Amino acid sequence: IISLYLSNYKLLLLCSKEVEPALDAIQTYKCKLLFSLPFKLTYMINLAQIKKYDLSSLKFISTGGQCISAQLAKRLNSELNIEYLNYGYAMSETLVTSSKFYELNDFDENEYNFGI
């Protein structure tokens, strides 16, 4: 998080089920990074109003805590142009060694095992 601050990234952490305020914040503050749980990402990507927001600044999503489907990762890339996905699925003490960083522009659904 310190390196994000030093590199002038704006950080957004989704804390409630309501994603509209977060989408508004991404648009207003041109956030590049989003921390969220997979179920909230699914809710967000399926939200009908998502197309009214300019989310072009968002390039990186960090997620974990539950399985994320390869289809969701693919949709995040194709519909929101998310370039990078960091996926962690372990105890917080071991997250540095157990998380995996994916570049979604070279996405091959058969190579990805999110939370499996």
C-alpha atoms as a PDB file:
ATOM      1  CA  ILE A   1       0.000   0.000   0.000  1.00  0.00           C
ATOM      2  CA  ILE A   2       2.901   2.351   0.743  1.00  0.00           C
ATOM      3  CA  SER A   3       4.350   1.755  -2.725  1.00  0.00           C
ATOM      4  CA  LEU A   4       0.935   2.539  -4.247  1.00  0.00           C
ATOM      5  CA  TYR A   5       0.840   5.810  -2.348  1.00  0.00           C
ATOM      6  CA  LEU A   6       4.358   6.703  -3.442  1.00  0.00           C
ATOM      7  CA  SER A   7       3.548   5.887  -7.073  1.00  0.00           C
ATOM      8  CA  ASN A   8       0.568   8.281  -6.988  1.00  0.00           C
ATOM      9  CA  TYR A   9      -2.071   5.532  -7.263  1.00  0.00           C
ATOM     10  CA  LYS A  10      -5.520   6.131  -5.847  1.00  0.00           C
ATOM     11  CA  LEU A  11      -6.790   3.184  -3.845  1.00  0.00           C
ATOM     12  CA  LEU A  12     -10.424   2.145  -3.428  1.00  0.00           C
ATOM     13  CA  LEU A  13     -11.553  -0.469  -0.919  1.00  0.00           C
ATOM     14  CA  LEU A  14     -15.144  -1.725  -1.280  1.00  0.00           C
ATOM     15  CA  CYS A  15     -16.602  -2.150   2.190  1.00  0.00           C
ATOM     16  CA  SER A  16     -20.333  -2.405   1.591  1.00  0.00           C
ATOM     17  CA  LYS A  17     -22.595  -4.285  -0.798  1.00  0.00           C
ATOM     18  CA  GLU A  18     -23.619  -1.048  -2.472  1.00  0.00           C
ATOM     19  CA  VAL A  19     -21.205  -0.597  -5.350  1.00  0.00           C
ATOM     20  CA  GLU A  20     -22.683   2.519  -6.941  1.00  0.00           C
ATOM     21  CA  PRO A  21     -20.829   4.889  -4.557  1.00  0.00           C
ATOM     22  CA  ALA A  22     -17.616   3.025  -5.341  1.00  0.00           C
ATOM     23  CA  LEU A  23     -18.225   3.280  -9.086  1.00  0.00           C
ATOM     24  CA  ASP A  24     -18.859   6.989  -8.660  1.00  0.00           C
ATOM     25  CA  ALA A  25     -15.595   7.321  -6.699  1.00  0.00           C
ATOM     26  CA  ILE A  26     -13.647   5.426  -9.387  1.00  0.00           C
ATOM     27  CA  GLN A  27     -15.037   7.800 -11.995  1.00  0.00           C
ATOM     28  CA  THR A  28     -14.508  10.979  -9.950  1.00  0.00           C
ATOM     29  CA  TYR A  29     -11.040  10.243  -8.557  1.00  0.00           C
ATOM     30  CA  LYS A  30      -9.753   8.188 -11.516  1.00  0.00           C
ATOM     31  CA  CYS A  31      -8.844   5.227  -9.292  1.00  0.00           C
ATOM     32  CA  LYS A  32      -6.467   2.695 -10.811  1.00  0.00           C
ATOM     33  CA  LEU A  33      -6.672  -0.002  -8.136  1.00  0.00           C
ATOM     34  CA  LEU A  34      -9.651  -1.729  -6.521  1.00  0.00           C
ATOM     35  CA  PHE A  35      -9.632  -4.169  -3.595  1.00  0.00           C
ATOM     36  CA  SER A  36     -12.830  -6.221  -3.468  1.00  0.00           C
ATOM     37  CA  LEU A  37     -14.247  -9.681  -2.805  1.00  0.00           C
ATOM     38  CA  PRO A  38     -15.235 -11.847  -5.781  1.00  0.00           C
ATOM     39  CA  PHE A  39     -18.964 -11.759  -4.960  1.00  0.00           C
ATOM     40  CA  LYS A  40     -18.856  -7.948  -4.980  1.00  0.00           C
ATOM     41  CA  LEU A  41     -17.028  -7.970  -8.310  1.00  0.00           C
ATOM     42  CA  THR A  42     -19.729 -10.258  -9.718  1.00  0.00           C
ATOM     43  CA  TYR A  43     -22.434  -7.923  -8.417  1.00  0.00           C
ATOM     44  CA  MET A  44     -20.591  -4.937  -9.893  1.00  0.00           C
ATOM     45  CA  ILE A  45     -20.022  -6.437 -13.364  1.00  0.00           C
ATOM     46  CA  ASN A  46     -23.683  -7.547 -13.576  1.00  0.00           C
ATOM     47  CA  LEU A  47     -25.032  -4.137 -12.537  1.00  0.00           C
ATOM     48  CA  ALA A  48     -27.081  -2.671 -15.383  1.00  0.00           C
ATOM     49  CA  GLN A  49     -25.987   0.887 -14.579  1.00  0.00           C
ATOM     50  CA  ILE A  50     -22.265   0.088 -14.835  1.00  0.00           C
ATOM     51  CA  LYS A  51     -22.138   1.367 -18.417  1.00  0.00           C
ATOM     52  CA  LYS A  52     -23.002   4.906 -17.300  1.00  0.00           C
ATOM     53  CA  TYR A  53     -19.725   5.175 -15.362  1.00  0.00           C
ATOM     54  CA  ASP A  54     -16.319   6.001 -16.839  1.00  0.00           C
ATOM     55  CA  LEU A  55     -14.140   3.301 -15.298  1.00  0.00           C
ATOM     56  CA  SER A  56     -11.332   3.559 -17.845  1.00  0.00           C
ATOM     57  CA  SER A  57      -8.792   4.536 -15.169  1.00  0.00           C
ATOM     58  CA  LEU A  58      -9.276   1.221 -13.325  1.00  0.00           C
ATOM     59  CA  LYS A  59      -6.482  -1.157 -14.370  1.00  0.00           C
ATOM     60  CA  PHE A  60      -5.749  -3.382 -11.380  1.00  0.00           C
ATOM     61  CA  ILE A  61      -7.997  -5.464  -9.115  1.00  0.00           C
ATOM     62  CA  SER A  62      -6.856  -7.274  -6.006  1.00  0.00           C
ATOM     63  CA  THR A  63      -9.233  -9.916  -4.694  1.00  0.00           C
ATOM     64  CA  GLY A  64      -9.420 -13.093  -2.649  1.00  0.00           C
ATOM     65  CA  GLY A  65     -11.167 -14.751   0.237  1.00  0.00           C
ATOM     66  CA  GLN A  66     -13.251 -16.983  -1.994  1.00  0.00           C
ATOM     67  CA  CYS A  67     -13.038 -18.618  -5.405  1.00  0.00           C
ATOM     68  CA  ILE A  68     -13.187 -16.437  -8.474  1.00  0.00           C
ATOM     69  CA  SER A  69     -14.240 -17.963 -11.761  1.00  0.00           C
ATOM     70  CA  ALA A  70     -12.117 -17.695 -14.861  1.00  0.00           C
ATOM     71  CA  GLN A  71     -15.234 -16.364 -16.600  1.00  0.00           C
ATOM     72  CA  LEU A  72     -15.426 -13.445 -14.156  1.00  0.00           C
ATOM     73  CA  ALA A  73     -11.754 -12.645 -14.707  1.00  0.00           C
ATOM     74  CA  LYS A  74     -12.336 -12.738 -18.447  1.00  0.00           C
ATOM     75  CA  ARG A  75     -15.345 -10.394 -18.160  1.00  0.00           C
ATOM     76  CA  LEU A  76     -13.376  -7.964 -15.991  1.00  0.00           C
ATOM     77  CA  ASN A  77     -10.812  -7.772 -18.765  1.00  0.00           C
ATOM     78  CA  SER A  78     -13.176  -7.644 -21.735  1.00  0.00           C
ATOM     79  CA  GLU A  79     -15.883  -5.369 -20.298  1.00  0.00           C
ATOM     80  CA  LEU A  80     -13.885  -3.114 -17.967  1.00  0.00           C
ATOM     81  CA  ASN A  81     -10.457  -3.428 -19.596  1.00  0.00           C
ATOM     82  CA  ILE A  82      -8.860  -4.584 -16.340  1.00  0.00           C
ATOM     83  CA  GLU A  83      -5.245  -5.414 -17.128  1.00  0.00           C
ATOM     84  CA  TYR A  84      -4.076  -7.068 -13.915  1.00  0.00           C
ATOM     85  CA  LEU A  85      -5.653  -9.274 -11.276  1.00  0.00           C
ATOM     86  CA  ASN A  86      -3.990 -10.153  -7.997  1.00  0.00           C
ATOM     87  CA  TYR A  87      -5.649 -13.147  -6.400  1.00  0.00           C
ATOM     88  CA  GLY A  88      -4.930 -14.244  -2.839  1.00  0.00           C
ATOM     89  CA  TYR A  89      -6.567 -17.215  -1.188  1.00  0.00           C
ATOM     90  CA  ALA A  90      -4.955 -18.002   2.144  1.00  0.00           C
ATOM     91  CA  MET A  91      -4.465 -16.771   5.676  1.00  0.00           C
ATOM     92  CA  SER A  92      -3.290 -13.175   5.761  1.00  0.00           C
ATOM     93  CA  GLU A  93       0.025 -14.277   7.305  1.00  0.00           C
ATOM     94  CA  THR A  94       0.880 -16.277   4.186  1.00  0.00           C
ATOM     95  CA  LEU A  95      -0.787 -14.073   1.578  1.00  0.00           C
ATOM     96  CA  VAL A  96       2.489 -12.746   0.174  1.00  0.00           C
ATOM     97  CA  THR A  97       3.620 -16.262  -0.746  1.00  0.00           C
ATOM     98  CA  SER A  98       0.212 -17.660  -1.663  1.00  0.00           C
ATOM     99  CA  SER A  99      -1.167 -14.891  -3.862  1.00  0.00           C
ATOM    100  CA  LYS A 100      -0.831 -14.938  -7.613  1.00  0.00           C
ATOM    101  CA  PHE A 101      -0.620 -12.065 -10.063  1.00  0.00           C
ATOM    102  CA  TYR A 102      -2.352 -12.496 -13.447  1.00  0.00           C
ATOM    103  CA  GLU A 103      -1.970 -10.367 -16.547  1.00  0.00           C
ATOM    104  CA  LEU A 104      -5.433 -10.532 -18.099  1.00  0.00           C
ATOM    105  CA  ASN A 105      -4.545  -9.179 -21.538  1.00  0.00           C
ATOM    106  CA  ASP A 106      -2.907 -12.536 -22.354  1.00  0.00           C
ATOM    107  CA  PHE A 107      -5.765 -14.485 -20.843  1.00  0.00           C
ATOM    108  CA  ASP A 108      -6.002 -18.219 -21.444  1.00  0.00           C
ATOM    109  CA  GLU A 109      -8.927 -19.644 -19.501  1.00  0.00           C
ATOM    110  CA  ASN A 110      -7.366 -23.128 -19.413  1.00  0.00           C
ATOM    111  CA  GLU A 111      -4.239 -21.911 -17.588  1.00  0.00           C
ATOM    112  CA  TYR A 112      -6.005 -20.188 -14.709  1.00  0.00           C
ATOM    113  CA  ASN A 113      -7.093 -21.842 -11.484  1.00  0.00           C
ATOM    114  CA  PHE A 114      -8.646 -19.206  -9.267  1.00  0.00           C
ATOM    115  CA  GLY A 115      -9.014 -20.589  -5.770  1.00  0.00           C
ATOM    116  CA  ILE A 116      -8.910 -24.233  -6.807  1.00  0.00           C
END
